[in-house]
Amino acid sequence: MRSEAGILPQAMAERRRIRRSYRAQRAARRRTFRSTRNTERRSLNVVRHGKDRQLDAHVTVIRRAKKRHAKPGLAMLNKSICSHMHSLTCLVMACMRAQ
């Protein structure tokens, strides 16, 4: 019984180690692929803060959408609608405060 209890966790650990190494390999592969693509983008993003960074993130979203052949226009529309809604809300709040 004791030997069996010793063997089982060992086997489990072995399996886990194999799986982990496979996962690590896959991650490494993904990293190498991604690094080449991101270099130029990173060079663009060096000094960007606040609003610019938000915009940049949005551009990235659109770029991703294009990659998936989605409708990047929709993302654009969403953003503009959101910003308009935000400004409208601010306006309404200001009016309420004025009263």
PDB file of N, CA and C in Angstrom:
ATOM      1  N   MET A   1       0.841  -1.212   0.000  1.00  0.00           N
ATOM      2  CA  MET A   1       0.000   0.000   0.000  1.00  0.00           C
ATOM      3  C   MET A   1       0.873   1.257   0.000  1.00  0.00           C
ATOM      4  N   ARG A   2       1.950   1.188   0.831  1.00  0.00           N
ATOM      5  CA  ARG A   2       2.796   2.375   0.948  1.00  0.00           C
ATOM      6  C   ARG A   2       3.533   2.644  -0.367  1.00  0.00           C
ATOM      7  N   SER A   3       3.975   1.590  -1.013  1.00  0.00           N
ATOM      8  CA  SER A   3       4.708   1.740  -2.274  1.00  0.00           C
ATOM      9  C   SER A   3       3.785   2.353  -3.338  1.00  0.00           C
ATOM     10  N   GLU A   4       2.526   1.907  -3.331  1.00  0.00           N
ATOM     11  CA  GLU A   4       1.558   2.418  -4.297  1.00  0.00           C
ATOM     12  C   GLU A   4       1.310   3.919  -4.081  1.00  0.00           C
ATOM     13  N   ALA A   5       1.200   4.263  -2.790  1.00  0.00           N
ATOM     14  CA  ALA A   5       0.983   5.675  -2.452  1.00  0.00           C
ATOM     15  C   ALA A   5       2.189   6.508  -2.865  1.00  0.00           C
ATOM     16  N   GLY A   6       3.380   5.911  -2.816  1.00  0.00           N
ATOM     17  CA  GLY A   6       4.597   6.604  -3.242  1.00  0.00           C
ATOM     18  C   GLY A   6       4.662   6.779  -4.747  1.00  0.00           C
ATOM     19  N   ILE A   7       4.195   5.755  -5.451  1.00  0.00           N
ATOM     20  CA  ILE A   7       4.309   5.764  -6.922  1.00  0.00           C
ATOM     21  C   ILE A   7       3.320   6.747  -7.547  1.00  0.00           C
ATOM     22  N   LEU A   8       2.095   6.747  -7.027  1.00  0.00           N
ATOM     23  CA  LEU A   8       1.055   7.556  -7.667  1.00  0.00           C
ATOM     24  C   LEU A   8       1.396   9.051  -7.756  1.00  0.00           C
ATOM     25  N   PRO A   9       1.742   9.680  -6.647  1.00  0.00           N
ATOM     26  CA  PRO A   9       2.078  11.111  -6.740  1.00  0.00           C
ATOM     27  C   PRO A   9       3.278  11.363  -7.652  1.00  0.00           C
ATOM     28  N   GLN A  10       4.212  10.402  -7.651  1.00  0.00           N
ATOM     29  CA  GLN A  10       5.386  10.518  -8.522  1.00  0.00           C
ATOM     30  C   GLN A  10       4.950  10.589  -9.985  1.00  0.00           C
ATOM     31  N   ALA A  11       4.061   9.690 -10.337  1.00  0.00           N
ATOM     32  CA  ALA A  11       3.568   9.645 -11.720  1.00  0.00           C
ATOM     33  C   ALA A  11       2.840  10.938 -12.065  1.00  0.00           C
ATOM     34  N   MET A  12       2.059  11.394 -11.101  1.00  0.00           N
ATOM     35  CA  MET A  12       1.312  12.638 -11.306  1.00  0.00           C
ATOM     36  C   MET A  12       2.272  13.798 -11.528  1.00  0.00           C
ATOM     37  N   ALA A  13       3.318  13.831 -10.698  1.00  0.00           N
ATOM     38  CA  ALA A  13       4.307  14.911 -10.801  1.00  0.00           C
ATOM     39  C   ALA A  13       4.993  14.864 -12.165  1.00  0.00           C
ATOM     40  N   GLU A  14       5.311  13.634 -12.578  1.00  0.00           N
ATOM     41  CA  GLU A  14       5.971  13.454 -13.883  1.00  0.00           C
ATOM     42  C   GLU A  14       5.081  13.998 -15.003  1.00  0.00           C
ATOM     43  N   ARG A  15       3.817  13.625 -14.940  1.00  0.00           N
ATOM     44  CA  ARG A  15       2.869  14.056 -15.969  1.00  0.00           C
ATOM     45  C   ARG A  15       2.759  15.579 -15.971  1.00  0.00           C
ATOM     46  N   ARG A  16       2.700  16.135 -14.754  1.00  0.00           N
ATOM     47  CA  ARG A  16       2.568  17.580 -14.632  1.00  0.00           C
ATOM     48  C   ARG A  16       3.788  18.284 -15.227  1.00  0.00           C
ATOM     49  N   ARG A  17       4.975  17.683 -14.952  1.00  0.00           N
ATOM     50  CA  ARG A  17       6.208  18.292 -15.452  1.00  0.00           C
ATOM     51  C   ARG A  17       6.227  18.278 -16.974  1.00  0.00           C
ATOM     52  N   ILE A  18       5.797  17.178 -17.555  1.00  0.00           N
ATOM     53  CA  ILE A  18       5.748  17.065 -19.020  1.00  0.00           C
ATOM     54  C   ILE A  18       4.808  18.124 -19.576  1.00  0.00           C
ATOM     55  N   ARG A  19       3.637  18.223 -18.949  1.00  0.00           N
ATOM     56  CA  ARG A  19       2.644  19.165 -19.431  1.00  0.00           C
ATOM     57  C   ARG A  19       3.180  20.591 -19.328  1.00  0.00           C
ATOM     58  N   ARG A  20       3.859  20.864 -18.200  1.00  0.00           N
ATOM     59  CA  ARG A  20       4.366  22.209 -17.980  1.00  0.00           C
ATOM     60  C   ARG A  20       5.427  22.560 -19.019  1.00  0.00           C
ATOM     61  N   SER A  21       6.297  21.584 -19.311  1.00  0.00           N
ATOM     62  CA  SER A  21       7.361  21.855 -20.285  1.00  0.00           C
ATOM     63  C   SER A  21       6.725  22.139 -21.648  1.00  0.00           C
ATOM     64  N   TYR A  22       5.678  21.376 -21.973  1.00  0.00           N
ATOM     65  CA  TYR A  22       4.995  21.587 -23.254  1.00  0.00           C
ATOM     66  C   TYR A  22       4.401  22.980 -23.304  1.00  0.00           C
ATOM     67  N   ARG A  23       3.766  23.366 -22.180  1.00  0.00           N
ATOM     68  CA  ARG A  23       3.140  24.680 -22.115  1.00  0.00           C
ATOM     69  C   ARG A  23       4.193  25.779 -22.231  1.00  0.00           C
ATOM     70  N   ALA A  24       5.325  25.562 -21.585  1.00  0.00           N
ATOM     71  CA  ALA A  24       6.410  26.546 -21.620  1.00  0.00           C
ATOM     72  C   ALA A  24       6.933  26.703 -23.040  1.00  0.00           C
ATOM     73  N   GLN A  25       7.077  25.558 -23.725  1.00  0.00           N
ATOM     74  CA  GLN A  25       7.552  25.591 -25.114  1.00  0.00           C
ATOM     75  C   GLN A  25       6.603  26.401 -25.979  1.00  0.00           C
ATOM     76  N   ARG A  26       5.305  26.122 -25.783  1.00  0.00           N
ATOM     77  CA  ARG A  26       4.301  26.810 -26.590  1.00  0.00           C
ATOM     78  C   ARG A  26       4.354  28.311 -26.338  1.00  0.00           C
ATOM     79  N   ALA A  27       4.498  28.677 -25.040  1.00  0.00           N
ATOM     80  CA  ALA A  27       4.560  30.085 -24.665  1.00  0.00           C
ATOM     81  C   ALA A  27       5.780  30.744 -25.308  1.00  0.00           C
ATOM     82  N   ALA A  28       6.893  30.030 -25.286  1.00  0.00           N
ATOM     83  CA  ALA A  28       8.131  30.567 -25.862  1.00  0.00           C
ATOM     84  C   ALA A  28       7.951  30.808 -27.353  1.00  0.00           C
ATOM     85  N   ARG A  29       7.320  29.836 -28.013  1.00  0.00           N
ATOM     86  CA  ARG A  29       7.082  29.961 -29.441  1.00  0.00           C
ATOM     87  C   ARG A  29       6.230  31.198 -29.717  1.00  0.00           C
ATOM     88  N   ARG A  30       5.190  31.369 -28.902  1.00  0.00           N
ATOM     89  CA  ARG A  30       4.293  32.498 -29.081  1.00  0.00           C
ATOM     90  C   ARG A  30       5.051  33.800 -28.860  1.00  0.00           C
ATOM     91  N   ARG A  31       5.932  33.792 -27.840  1.00  0.00           N
ATOM     92  CA  ARG A  31       6.699  34.997 -27.531  1.00  0.00           C
ATOM     93  C   ARG A  31       7.582  35.400 -28.699  1.00  0.00           C
ATOM     94  N   THR A  32       8.271  34.423 -29.300  1.00  0.00           N
ATOM     95  CA  THR A  32       9.178  34.755 -30.402  1.00  0.00           C
ATOM     96  C   THR A  32       8.381  35.328 -31.565  1.00  0.00           C
ATOM     97  N   PHE A  33       7.214  34.761 -31.807  1.00  0.00           N
ATOM     98  CA  PHE A  33       6.386  35.245 -32.912  1.00  0.00           C
ATOM     99  C   PHE A  33       5.932  36.663 -32.644  1.00  0.00           C
ATOM    100  N   ARG A  34       5.532  36.894 -31.376  1.00  0.00           N
ATOM    101  CA  ARG A  34       4.953  38.182 -31.040  1.00  0.00           C
ATOM    102  C   ARG A  34       6.020  39.272 -31.012  1.00  0.00           C
ATOM    103  N   SER A  35       7.210  38.924 -30.538  1.00  0.00           N
ATOM    104  CA  SER A  35       8.241  39.949 -30.320  1.00  0.00           C
ATOM    105  C   SER A  35       8.586  40.669 -31.621  1.00  0.00           C
ATOM    106  N   THR A  36       8.631  39.913 -32.717  1.00  0.00           N
ATOM    107  CA  THR A  36       8.991  40.544 -33.992  1.00  0.00           C
ATOM    108  C   THR A  36       7.931  41.555 -34.395  1.00  0.00           C
ATOM    109  N   ARG A  37       6.668  41.204 -34.135  1.00  0.00           N
ATOM    110  CA  ARG A  37       5.587  42.088 -34.561  1.00  0.00           C
ATOM    111  C   ARG A  37       5.501  43.328 -33.679  1.00  0.00           C
ATOM    112  N   ASN A  38       5.818  43.144 -32.396  1.00  0.00           N
ATOM    113  CA  ASN A  38       5.595  44.242 -31.457  1.00  0.00           C
ATOM    114  C   ASN A  38       6.709  45.274 -31.424  1.00  0.00           C
ATOM    115  N   THR A  39       7.851  44.971 -32.020  1.00  0.00           N
ATOM    116  CA  THR A  39       8.988  45.886 -31.862  1.00  0.00           C
ATOM    117  C   THR A  39       8.660  47.267 -32.396  1.00  0.00           C
ATOM    118  N   GLU A  40       8.141  47.319 -33.614  1.00  0.00           N
ATOM    119  CA  GLU A  40       7.871  48.628 -34.198  1.00  0.00           C
ATOM    120  C   GLU A  40       6.785  49.358 -33.421  1.00  0.00           C
ATOM    121  N   ARG A  41       5.797  48.595 -32.962  1.00  0.00           N
ATOM    122  CA  ARG A  41       4.707  49.218 -32.212  1.00  0.00           C
ATOM    123  C   ARG A  41       5.243  49.786 -30.901  1.00  0.00           C
ATOM    124  N   ARG A  42       6.158  49.025 -30.270  1.00  0.00           N
ATOM    125  CA  ARG A  42       6.699  49.466 -29.004  1.00  0.00           C
ATOM    126  C   ARG A  42       7.504  50.751 -29.193  1.00  0.00           C
ATOM    127  N   SER A  43       8.197  50.835 -30.315  1.00  0.00           N
ATOM    128  CA  SER A  43       8.992  52.043 -30.581  1.00  0.00           C
ATOM    129  C   SER A  43       8.065  53.252 -30.715  1.00  0.00           C
ATOM    130  N   LEU A  44       6.841  53.018 -31.163  1.00  0.00           N
ATOM    131  CA  LEU A  44       5.871  54.114 -31.256  1.00  0.00           C
ATOM    132  C   LEU A  44       5.340  54.501 -29.871  1.00  0.00           C
ATOM    133  N   ASN A  45       5.230  53.485 -29.009  1.00  0.00           N
ATOM    134  CA  ASN A  45       4.538  53.710 -27.726  1.00  0.00           C
ATOM    135  C   ASN A  45       5.439  54.213 -26.604  1.00  0.00           C
ATOM    136  N   VAL A  46       6.654  54.645 -26.922  1.00  0.00           N
ATOM    137  CA  VAL A  46       7.595  54.933 -25.850  1.00  0.00           C
ATOM    138  C   VAL A  46       7.075  56.029 -24.928  1.00  0.00           C
ATOM    139  N   VAL A  47       6.793  57.222 -25.487  1.00  0.00           N
ATOM    140  CA  VAL A  47       6.331  58.299 -24.618  1.00  0.00           C
ATOM    141  C   VAL A  47       4.877  58.589 -24.916  1.00  0.00           C
ATOM    142  N   ARG A  48       4.015  57.829 -24.299  1.00  0.00           N
ATOM    143  CA  ARG A  48       2.590  58.079 -24.453  1.00  0.00           C
ATOM    144  C   ARG A  48       1.929  57.880 -23.112  1.00  0.00           C
ATOM    145  N   HIS A  49       1.171  58.866 -22.692  1.00  0.00           N
ATOM    146  CA  HIS A  49       0.518  58.759 -21.392  1.00  0.00           C
ATOM    147  C   HIS A  49      -0.949  59.146 -21.534  1.00  0.00           C
ATOM    148  N   GLY A  50      -1.738  58.658 -20.593  1.00  0.00           N
ATOM    149  CA  GLY A  50      -3.132  59.082 -20.487  1.00  0.00           C
ATOM    150  C   GLY A  50      -3.939  58.853 -21.738  1.00  0.00           C
ATOM    151  N   LYS A  51      -4.464  59.936 -22.266  1.00  0.00           N
ATOM    152  CA  LYS A  51      -5.373  59.884 -23.405  1.00  0.00           C
ATOM    153  C   LYS A  51      -4.710  59.195 -24.595  1.00  0.00           C
ATOM    154  N   ASP A  52      -3.464  59.565 -24.841  1.00  0.00           N
ATOM    155  CA  ASP A  52      -2.764  58.999 -25.989  1.00  0.00           C
ATOM    156  C   ASP A  52      -2.687  57.493 -25.875  1.00  0.00           C
ATOM    157  N   ARG A  53      -2.392  57.041 -24.673  1.00  0.00           N
ATOM    158  CA  ARG A  53      -2.257  55.600 -24.494  1.00  0.00           C
ATOM    159  C   ARG A  53      -3.597  54.912 -24.740  1.00  0.00           C
ATOM    160  N   GLN A  54      -4.676  55.550 -24.246  1.00  0.00           N
ATOM    161  CA  GLN A  54      -6.015  54.991 -24.477  1.00  0.00           C
ATOM    162  C   GLN A  54      -6.274  54.867 -25.973  1.00  0.00           C
ATOM    163  N   LEU A  55      -5.967  55.937 -26.667  1.00  0.00           N
ATOM    164  CA  LEU A  55      -6.168  55.956 -28.111  1.00  0.00           C
ATOM    165  C   LEU A  55      -5.353  54.860 -28.761  1.00  0.00           C
ATOM    166  N   ASP A  56      -4.125  54.713 -28.272  1.00  0.00           N
ATOM    167  CA  ASP A  56      -3.227  53.718 -28.829  1.00  0.00           C
ATOM    168  C   ASP A  56      -3.786  52.317 -28.635  1.00  0.00           C
ATOM    169  N   ALA A  57      -4.305  52.092 -27.418  1.00  0.00           N
ATOM    170  CA  ALA A  57      -4.919  50.804 -27.130  1.00  0.00           C
ATOM    171  C   ALA A  57      -6.057  50.556 -28.104  1.00  0.00           C
ATOM    172  N   HIS A  58      -6.816  51.631 -28.371  1.00  0.00           N
ATOM    173  CA  HIS A  58      -7.940  51.515 -29.272  1.00  0.00           C
ATOM    174  C   HIS A  58      -7.478  51.161 -30.682  1.00  0.00           C
ATOM    175  N   VAL A  59      -6.400  51.831 -31.119  1.00  0.00           N
ATOM    176  CA  VAL A  59      -5.837  51.540 -32.433  1.00  0.00           C
ATOM    177  C   VAL A  59      -5.439  50.070 -32.504  1.00  0.00           C
ATOM    178  N   THR A  60      -4.848  49.606 -31.408  1.00  0.00           N
ATOM    179  CA  THR A  60      -4.454  48.195 -31.348  1.00  0.00           C
ATOM    180  C   THR A  60      -5.676  47.301 -31.523  1.00  0.00           C
ATOM    181  N   VAL A  61      -6.767  47.689 -30.867  1.00  0.00           N
ATOM    182  CA  VAL A  61      -8.012  46.914 -30.982  1.00  0.00           C
ATOM    183  C   VAL A  61      -8.451  46.842 -32.438  1.00  0.00           C
ATOM    184  N   ILE A  62      -8.399  47.991 -33.099  1.00  0.00           N
ATOM    185  CA  ILE A  62      -8.812  48.027 -34.501  1.00  0.00           C
ATOM    186  C   ILE A  62      -7.902  47.140 -35.343  1.00  0.00           C
ATOM    187  N   ARG A  63      -6.592  47.235 -35.051  1.00  0.00           N
ATOM    188  CA  ARG A  63      -5.627  46.456 -35.809  1.00  0.00           C
ATOM    189  C   ARG A  63      -5.931  44.968 -35.660  1.00  0.00           C
ATOM    190  N   ARG A  64      -6.256  44.591 -34.406  1.00  0.00           N
ATOM    191  CA  ARG A  64      -6.587  43.199 -34.140  1.00  0.00           C
ATOM    192  C   ARG A  64      -7.833  42.790 -34.924  1.00  0.00           C
ATOM    193  N   ALA A  65      -8.820  43.699 -34.933  1.00  0.00           N
ATOM    194  CA  ALA A  65     -10.068  43.426 -35.634  1.00  0.00           C
ATOM    195  C   ALA A  65      -9.786  43.200 -37.115  1.00  0.00           C
ATOM    196  N   LYS A  66      -8.892  44.036 -37.672  1.00  0.00           N
ATOM    197  CA  LYS A  66      -8.537  43.887 -39.073  1.00  0.00           C
ATOM    198  C   LYS A  66      -7.914  42.526 -39.316  1.00  0.00           C
ATOM    199  N   LYS A  67      -7.061  42.136 -38.369  1.00  0.00           N
ATOM    200  CA  LYS A  67      -6.379  40.855 -38.514  1.00  0.00           C
ATOM    201  C   LYS A  67      -7.393  39.723 -38.581  1.00  0.00           C
ATOM    202  N   ARG A  68      -8.472  39.865 -37.814  1.00  0.00           N
ATOM    203  CA  ARG A  68      -9.499  38.816 -37.810  1.00  0.00           C
ATOM    204  C   ARG A  68     -10.552  39.062 -38.887  1.00  0.00           C
ATOM    205  N   HIS A  69     -10.305  40.041 -39.752  1.00  0.00           N
ATOM    206  CA  HIS A  69     -11.257  40.396 -40.798  1.00  0.00           C
ATOM    207  C   HIS A  69     -12.606  40.760 -40.208  1.00  0.00           C
ATOM    208  N   ALA A  70     -12.570  41.377 -39.023  1.00  0.00           N
ATOM    209  CA  ALA A  70     -13.817  41.859 -38.437  1.00  0.00           C
ATOM    210  C   ALA A  70     -14.095  43.241 -39.013  1.00  0.00           C
ATOM    211  N   LYS A  71     -15.085  43.921 -38.469  1.00  0.00           N
ATOM    212  CA  LYS A  71     -15.377  45.262 -38.973  1.00  0.00           C
ATOM    213  C   LYS A  71     -14.697  46.291 -38.085  1.00  0.00           C
ATOM    214  N   PRO A  72     -13.552  46.820 -38.510  1.00  0.00           N
ATOM    215  CA  PRO A  72     -12.868  47.805 -37.675  1.00  0.00           C
ATOM    216  C   PRO A  72     -13.662  49.088 -37.555  1.00  0.00           C
ATOM    217  N   GLY A  73     -14.503  49.352 -38.555  1.00  0.00           N
ATOM    218  CA  GLY A  73     -15.350  50.545 -38.505  1.00  0.00           C
ATOM    219  C   GLY A  73     -16.258  50.529 -37.296  1.00  0.00           C
ATOM    220  N   LEU A  74     -16.700  49.331 -36.941  1.00  0.00           N
ATOM    221  CA  LEU A  74     -17.620  49.192 -35.815  1.00  0.00           C
ATOM    222  C   LEU A  74     -16.931  49.614 -34.529  1.00  0.00           C
ATOM    223  N   ALA A  75     -15.673  49.185 -34.376  1.00  0.00           N
ATOM    224  CA  ALA A  75     -14.916  49.553 -33.174  1.00  0.00           C
ATOM    225  C   ALA A  75     -14.764  51.061 -33.117  1.00  0.00           C
ATOM    226  N   MET A  76     -14.471  51.656 -34.283  1.00  0.00           N
ATOM    227  CA  MET A  76     -14.292  53.092 -34.385  1.00  0.00           C
ATOM    228  C   MET A  76     -15.579  53.793 -33.944  1.00  0.00           C
ATOM    229  N   LEU A  77     -16.693  53.312 -34.488  1.00  0.00           N
ATOM    230  CA  LEU A  77     -18.004  53.885 -34.195  1.00  0.00           C
ATOM    231  C   LEU A  77     -18.279  53.818 -32.702  1.00  0.00           C
ATOM    232  N   ASN A  78     -17.994  52.647 -32.133  1.00  0.00           N
ATOM    233  CA  ASN A  78     -18.211  52.431 -30.715  1.00  0.00           C
ATOM    234  C   ASN A  78     -17.486  53.480 -29.898  1.00  0.00           C
ATOM    235  N   LYS A  79     -16.213  53.693 -30.284  1.00  0.00           N
ATOM    236  CA  LYS A  79     -15.390  54.642 -29.539  1.00  0.00           C
ATOM    237  C   LYS A  79     -15.989  56.036 -29.608  1.00  0.00           C
ATOM    238  N   SER A  80     -16.356  56.459 -30.832  1.00  0.00           N
ATOM    239  CA  SER A  80     -16.876  57.823 -30.990  1.00  0.00           C
ATOM    240  C   SER A  80     -18.175  57.972 -30.220  1.00  0.00           C
ATOM    241  N   ILE A  81     -19.030  56.952 -30.293  1.00  0.00           N
ATOM    242  CA  ILE A  81     -20.304  57.013 -29.575  1.00  0.00           C
ATOM    243  C   ILE A  81     -20.046  57.136 -28.079  1.00  0.00           C
ATOM    244  N   CYS A  82     -19.105  56.327 -27.598  1.00  0.00           N
ATOM    245  CA  CYS A  82     -18.791  56.346 -26.168  1.00  0.00           C
ATOM    246  C   CYS A  82     -18.328  57.731 -25.738  1.00  0.00           C
ATOM    247  N   SER A  83     -17.419  58.316 -26.544  1.00  0.00           N
ATOM    248  CA  SER A  83     -16.887  59.625 -26.145  1.00  0.00           C
ATOM    249  C   SER A  83     -18.002  60.674 -26.176  1.00  0.00           C
ATOM    250  N   HIS A  84     -18.864  60.591 -27.194  1.00  0.00           N
ATOM    251  CA  HIS A  84     -19.976  61.540 -27.270  1.00  0.00           C
ATOM    252  C   HIS A  84     -20.895  61.394 -26.065  1.00  0.00           C
ATOM    253  N   MET A  85     -21.189  60.137 -25.728  1.00  0.00           N
ATOM    254  CA  MET A  85     -22.068  59.889 -24.584  1.00  0.00           C
ATOM    255  C   MET A  85     -21.453  60.477 -23.325  1.00  0.00           C
ATOM    256  N   HIS A  86     -20.144  60.308 -23.207  1.00  0.00           N
ATOM    257  CA  HIS A  86     -19.451  60.801 -22.019  1.00  0.00           C
ATOM    258  C   HIS A  86     -19.583  62.322 -21.926  1.00  0.00           C
ATOM    259  N   SER A  87     -19.326  63.001 -23.056  1.00  0.00           N
ATOM    260  CA  SER A  87     -19.402  64.469 -23.039  1.00  0.00           C
ATOM    261  C   SER A  87     -20.826  64.928 -22.737  1.00  0.00           C
ATOM    262  N   LEU A  88     -21.794  64.215 -23.308  1.00  0.00           N
ATOM    263  CA  LEU A  88     -23.201  64.553 -23.049  1.00  0.00           C
ATOM    264  C   LEU A  88     -23.519  64.407 -21.567  1.00  0.00           C
ATOM    265  N   THR A  89     -23.058  63.308 -20.989  1.00  0.00           N
ATOM    266  CA  THR A  89     -23.307  63.060 -19.566  1.00  0.00           C
ATOM    267  C   THR A  89     -22.720  64.180 -18.732  1.00  0.00           C
ATOM    268  N   CYS A  90     -21.468  64.563 -19.099  1.00  0.00           N
ATOM    269  CA  CYS A  90     -20.812  65.657 -18.371  1.00  0.00           C
ATOM    270  C   CYS A  90     -21.645  66.930 -18.453  1.00  0.00           C
ATOM    271  N   LEU A  91     -22.154  67.204 -19.655  1.00  0.00           N
ATOM    272  CA  LEU A  91     -22.960  68.405 -19.880  1.00  0.00           C
ATOM    273  C   LEU A  91     -24.198  68.388 -18.995  1.00  0.00           C
ATOM    274  N   VAL A  92     -24.887  67.258 -19.020  1.00  0.00           N
ATOM    275  CA  VAL A  92     -26.120  67.114 -18.235  1.00  0.00           C
ATOM    276  C   VAL A  92     -25.823  67.327 -16.759  1.00  0.00           C
ATOM    277  N   MET A  93     -24.723  66.715 -16.287  1.00  0.00           N
ATOM    278  CA  MET A  93     -24.354  66.847 -14.880  1.00  0.00           C
ATOM    279  C   MET A  93     -24.096  68.314 -14.529  1.00  0.00           C
ATOM    280  N   ALA A  94     -23.397  69.007 -15.449  1.00  0.00           N
ATOM    281  CA  ALA A  94     -23.096  70.424 -15.232  1.00  0.00           C
ATOM    282  C   ALA A  94     -24.392  71.236 -15.117  1.00  0.00           C
ATOM    283  N   CYS A  95     -25.344  70.929 -16.019  1.00  0.00           N
ATOM    284  CA  CYS A  95     -26.637  71.619 -15.996  1.00  0.00           C
ATOM    285  C   CYS A  95     -27.345  71.400 -14.664  1.00  0.00           C
ATOM    286  N   MET A  96     -27.320  70.143 -14.202  1.00  0.00           N
ATOM    287  CA  MET A  96     -27.978  69.800 -12.938  1.00  0.00           C
ATOM    288  C   MET A  96     -27.339  70.588 -11.803  1.00  0.00           C
ATOM    289  N   ARG A  97     -26.006  70.668 -11.838  1.00  0.00           N
ATOM    290  CA  ARG A  97     -25.289  71.383 -10.791  1.00  0.00           C
ATOM    291  C   ARG A  97     -25.631  72.878 -10.825  1.00  0.00           C
ATOM    292  N   ALA A  98     -25.771  73.412 -12.064  1.00  0.00           N
ATOM    293  CA  ALA A  98     -26.077  74.839 -12.229  1.00  0.00           C
ATOM    294  C   ALA A  98     -27.449  75.170 -11.624  1.00  0.00           C
ATOM    295  N   GLN A  99     -28.394  74.247 -11.792  1.00  0.00           N
ATOM    296  CA  GLN A  99     -29.715  74.459 -11.209  1.00  0.00           C
ATOM    297  C   GLN A  99     -29.638  74.300  -9.697  1.00  0.00           C
TER     298      GLN A  99
END
